[in-house]
C-alpha atoms as a PDB file:
ATOM      1  CA  UNK A   1      -6.805  44.620 -34.521  1.00  0.00           C
ATOM      2  CA  UNK A   2      -4.793  42.035 -32.084  1.00  0.00           C
ATOM      3  CA  UNK A   3      -4.925  38.602 -31.757  1.00  0.00           C
ATOM      4  CA  UNK A   4      -8.013  36.359 -32.880  1.00  0.00           C
ATOM      5  CA  UNK A   5      -7.296  33.855 -30.450  1.00  0.00           C
ATOM      6  CA  UNK A   6      -5.975  34.680 -26.969  1.00  0.00           C
ATOM      7  CA  UNK A   7      -5.592  31.326 -25.192  1.00  0.00           C
ATOM      8  CA  UNK A   8      -3.270  28.422 -25.340  1.00  0.00           C
ATOM      9  CA  UNK A   9      -1.744  27.681 -28.752  1.00  0.00           C
ATOM     10  CA  UNK A  10      -2.549  23.842 -28.410  1.00  0.00           C
ATOM     11  CA  UNK A  11      -3.984  21.241 -26.282  1.00  0.00           C
ATOM     12  CA  UNK A  12      -0.935  19.350 -24.626  1.00  0.00           C
ATOM     13  CA  UNK A  13      -3.133  16.221 -24.553  1.00  0.00           C
ATOM     14  CA  UNK A  14      -3.590  16.342 -28.348  1.00  0.00           C
ATOM     15  CA  UNK A  15      -0.198  17.276 -29.204  1.00  0.00           C
ATOM     16  CA  UNK A  16       1.194  14.466 -27.475  1.00  0.00           C
ATOM     17  CA  UNK A  17      -1.331  12.106 -28.707  1.00  0.00           C
ATOM     18  CA  UNK A  18      -0.528  13.244 -32.399  1.00  0.00           C
ATOM     19  CA  UNK A  19       3.297  12.641 -31.789  1.00  0.00           C
ATOM     20  CA  UNK A  20       2.493   9.110 -30.495  1.00  0.00           C
ATOM     21  CA  UNK A  21       0.312   8.014 -33.066  1.00  0.00           C
ATOM     22  CA  UNK A  22       2.803   9.106 -35.889  1.00  0.00           C
ATOM     23  CA  UNK A  23       5.620   7.650 -34.070  1.00  0.00           C
ATOM     24  CA  UNK A  24       3.691   4.399 -33.717  1.00  0.00           C
ATOM     25  CA  UNK A  25       2.988   4.490 -37.314  1.00  0.00           C
ATOM     26  CA  UNK A  26       6.449   5.065 -38.218  1.00  0.00           C
ATOM     27  CA  UNK A  27       6.112   8.223 -39.722  1.00  0.00           C
ATOM     28  CA  UNK A  28       8.769   9.842 -37.529  1.00  0.00           C
ATOM     29  CA  UNK A  29      12.685   9.913 -38.208  1.00  0.00           C
ATOM     30  CA  UNK A  30      15.531  11.801 -39.354  1.00  0.00           C
ATOM     31  CA  UNK A  31      15.108  12.334 -43.149  1.00  0.00           C
ATOM     32  CA  UNK A  32      12.861  14.243 -45.978  1.00  0.00           C
ATOM     33  CA  UNK A  33       9.164  14.161 -44.709  1.00  0.00           C
ATOM     34  CA  UNK A  34       9.828  12.077 -41.801  1.00  0.00           C
ATOM     35  CA  UNK A  35      12.521  14.718 -40.337  1.00  0.00           C
ATOM     36  CA  UNK A  36       9.737  17.842 -41.227  1.00  0.00           C
ATOM     37  CA  UNK A  37       6.907  15.717 -39.264  1.00  0.00           C
ATOM     38  CA  UNK A  38       8.915  14.852 -36.551  1.00  0.00           C
ATOM     39  CA  UNK A  39      10.143  18.423 -36.189  1.00  0.00           C
ATOM     40  CA  UNK A  40       6.596  19.822 -36.474  1.00  0.00           C
ATOM     41  CA  UNK A  41       5.235  17.489 -33.752  1.00  0.00           C
ATOM     42  CA  UNK A  42       8.000  18.029 -31.521  1.00  0.00           C
ATOM     43  CA  UNK A  43       7.348  22.116 -31.889  1.00  0.00           C
ATOM     44  CA  UNK A  44       3.719  21.590 -31.129  1.00  0.00           C
ATOM     45  CA  UNK A  45       4.380  19.580 -27.990  1.00  0.00           C
ATOM     46  CA  UNK A  46       7.051  21.955 -26.761  1.00  0.00           C
ATOM     47  CA  UNK A  47       4.572  25.036 -27.203  1.00  0.00           C
ATOM     48  CA  UNK A  48       1.870  23.269 -25.276  1.00  0.00           C
ATOM     49  CA  UNK A  49       3.927  22.392 -22.453  1.00  0.00           C
ATOM     50  CA  UNK A  50       4.583  26.119 -21.889  1.00  0.00           C
ATOM     51  CA  UNK A  51       1.663  27.663 -20.042  1.00  0.00           C
ATOM     52  CA  UNK A  52       3.222  30.978 -20.624  1.00  0.00           C
ATOM     53  CA  UNK A  53       3.394  30.835 -24.240  1.00  0.00           C
ATOM     54  CA  UNK A  54      -0.332  31.912 -25.780  1.00  0.00           C
ATOM     55  CA  UNK A  55      -1.250  33.379 -28.943  1.00  0.00           C
ATOM     56  CA  UNK A  56      -1.062  37.072 -27.447  1.00  0.00           C
ATOM     57  CA  UNK A  57       2.573  36.872 -27.834  1.00  0.00           C
ATOM     58  CA  UNK A  58       2.055  36.662 -31.707  1.00  0.00           C
ATOM     59  CA  UNK A  59       1.773  40.078 -33.480  1.00  0.00           C
ATOM     60  CA  UNK A  60       1.573  40.830 -36.978  1.00  0.00           C
ATOM     61  CA  UNK A  61       4.704  42.562 -38.221  1.00  0.00           C
ATOM     62  CA  UNK A  62       2.745  45.151 -40.296  1.00  0.00           C
ATOM     63  CA  UNK A  63       0.600  45.957 -37.345  1.00  0.00           C
ATOM     64  CA  UNK A  64       4.035  46.502 -35.006  1.00  0.00           C
ATOM     65  CA  UNK A  65       5.280  48.871 -38.060  1.00  0.00           C
ATOM     66  CA  UNK A  66       2.249  50.638 -38.243  1.00  0.00           C
ATOM     67  CA  UNK A  67       1.996  51.496 -34.615  1.00  0.00           C
ATOM     68  CA  UNK A  68       5.462  52.574 -34.904  1.00  0.00           C
ATOM     69  CA  UNK A  69       4.859  54.917 -38.077  1.00  0.00           C
ATOM     70  CA  UNK A  70       7.586  53.071 -40.084  1.00  0.00           C
ATOM     71  CA  UNK A  71       7.344  50.832 -43.482  1.00  0.00           C
ATOM     72  CA  UNK A  72       7.151  47.061 -42.943  1.00  0.00           C
ATOM     73  CA  UNK A  73      10.564  45.817 -43.283  1.00  0.00           C
ATOM     74  CA  UNK A  74      11.421  42.934 -46.016  1.00  0.00           C
ATOM     75  CA  UNK A  75      11.907  39.129 -44.602  1.00  0.00           C
ATOM     76  CA  UNK A  76      15.226  39.420 -45.525  1.00  0.00           C
ATOM     77  CA  UNK A  77      15.918  42.856 -44.049  1.00  0.00           C
ATOM     78  CA  UNK A  78      14.540  41.611 -40.829  1.00  0.00           C
ATOM     79  CA  UNK A  79      16.150  38.358 -40.519  1.00  0.00           C
ATOM     80  CA  UNK A  80      19.346  40.215 -40.870  1.00  0.00           C
ATOM     81  CA  UNK A  81      18.474  42.505 -38.209  1.00  0.00           C
ATOM     82  CA  UNK A  82      17.705  40.120 -35.881  1.00  0.00           C
ATOM     83  CA  UNK A  83      21.133  38.225 -36.568  1.00  0.00           C
ATOM     84  CA  UNK A  84      22.681  40.962 -35.207  1.00  0.00           C
END
């Protein structure tokens, strides 16, 4: 099937504006929800700054396994193999 969207993942200007707004409201920080929001917005900004990163790099594991003619591995099994 392929990706539904083949362009940039995020607008760099929008991601930066969202982070700046959250920071001005005091929503960012090192603990709890503030930490999770900070990490999310930082990831969005970083992804939007890399012009080579687009949705075509993301594939469904089920699609990859089906094309390879193998079963889809479980999440734990996949994580263990990636850590090797």
